[in-house]
Protein backbone atom coordinates (compact mmCIF):
# COMPACT_ATOMS: atom_id res chain seq x y z
CA MET A 1 27.83 15.63 24.14
CA ARG A 2 26.56 17.59 21.17
CA TYR A 3 23.71 20.07 21.42
CA MET A 4 21.70 21.98 18.86
CA VAL A 5 21.93 25.75 19.28
CA ALA A 6 18.15 25.85 19.87
CA GLU A 7 18.52 23.41 22.80
CA LEU A 8 20.98 25.76 24.43
CA LEU A 9 18.83 28.84 23.80
CA PHE A 10 15.33 27.60 24.63
CA LYS A 11 14.99 26.13 28.11
CA ALA A 12 11.75 25.89 30.05
CA THR A 13 11.70 27.19 33.62
CA LYS A 14 7.96 26.77 34.20
CA ALA A 15 5.10 24.99 32.41
CA TRP A 16 1.37 24.93 33.09
CA TYR A 17 -2.05 24.37 31.51
CA GLU A 18 -4.43 27.31 31.11
CA ASP A 19 -7.63 27.79 29.07
CA GLY A 20 -7.03 24.99 26.58
CA ARG A 21 -3.34 25.80 26.09
CA ILE A 22 0.00 24.58 27.34
CA CYS A 23 2.03 27.55 28.53
CA ILE A 24 5.80 27.56 28.86
CA LEU A 25 8.02 30.21 30.43
CA LEU A 26 11.50 30.16 28.92
CA SER A 27 14.73 31.04 30.68
CA ASP A 28 14.95 34.30 28.70
CA LYS A 29 11.53 35.30 30.14
CA LYS A 30 9.67 34.73 26.85
CA GLU A 31 6.42 32.82 27.10
CA ILE A 32 5.09 30.44 24.47
CA ARG A 33 1.67 28.79 24.33
CA PHE A 34 0.05 26.22 22.11
CA PRO A 35 -3.44 24.71 22.01
CA VAL A 36 -3.71 21.17 23.37
CA GLY A 37 -5.68 20.26 20.24
CA LEU A 38 -2.39 20.13 18.32
CA ASN A 39 -1.41 16.95 20.18
CA GLU A 40 -3.67 13.87 20.18
CA LYS A 41 -2.79 12.70 23.71
CA LEU A 42 -3.04 16.16 25.24
CA ASN A 43 -6.32 16.80 23.42
CA LYS A 44 -7.94 13.76 25.10
CA ALA A 45 -6.58 14.54 28.59
CA THR A 46 -8.34 15.97 31.62
CA PRO A 47 -7.31 19.36 33.05
CA ASP A 48 -5.66 17.57 36.02
CA GLN A 49 -3.62 15.40 33.65
CA LEU A 50 -2.65 18.45 31.58
CA ASN A 51 -1.49 20.33 34.67
CA ASN A 52 0.76 17.45 35.72
CA ILE A 53 3.72 18.66 33.63
CA GLU A 54 7.33 17.88 34.54
CA ILE A 55 10.22 19.86 33.06
CA ILE A 56 12.90 17.33 32.08
CA CYS A 57 16.38 17.16 30.56
CA GLY A 58 17.63 20.40 32.05
CA GLY A 59 14.68 22.39 30.73
CA THR A 60 14.80 21.09 27.16
CA GLY A 61 11.74 18.84 27.46
CA LEU A 62 8.27 18.47 28.95
CA HIS A 63 6.85 15.22 30.31
CA TRP A 64 3.28 14.24 31.20
CA SER A 65 3.63 11.03 33.25
CA ASP A 66 -0.14 10.43 33.36
CA LEU A 67 -0.24 10.45 29.56
CA ASP A 68 3.16 8.93 28.76
CA GLU A 69 3.87 11.94 26.55
CA ASP A 70 7.10 13.89 26.02
CA LEU A 71 7.70 16.99 23.94
CA SER A 72 10.93 18.88 23.38
CA VAL A 73 10.97 22.63 23.79
CA THR A 74 12.88 22.89 20.50
CA GLY A 75 10.21 20.79 18.76
CA ILE A 76 7.47 23.01 20.13
CA MET A 77 9.35 26.09 18.91
CA GLU A 78 9.60 24.45 15.48
CA GLY A 79 5.88 23.63 15.40
CA ARG A 80 6.17 19.90 16.13
CA PHE A 81 3.54 19.05 18.74
CA SER A 82 3.44 15.26 18.57
CA ALA A 83 5.80 12.32 18.11
């Protein structure tokens, strides 16, 4: 299996919703945040839906089952917040 270097470097260990932002703690202890307004599905979601985040694919992705939305950690780091 081939991986991008970014996928090996940036893995989420924790994710949560706080004050209009999605917050992600990375395995290297860095924290990144982005406003939910950058993603159409997240922007229309309730706080309960936003807090229902699952870390998937060994920490390389985030999944909101209530919203049928997936984002990659690499994509977020590159500024891509929607499909």
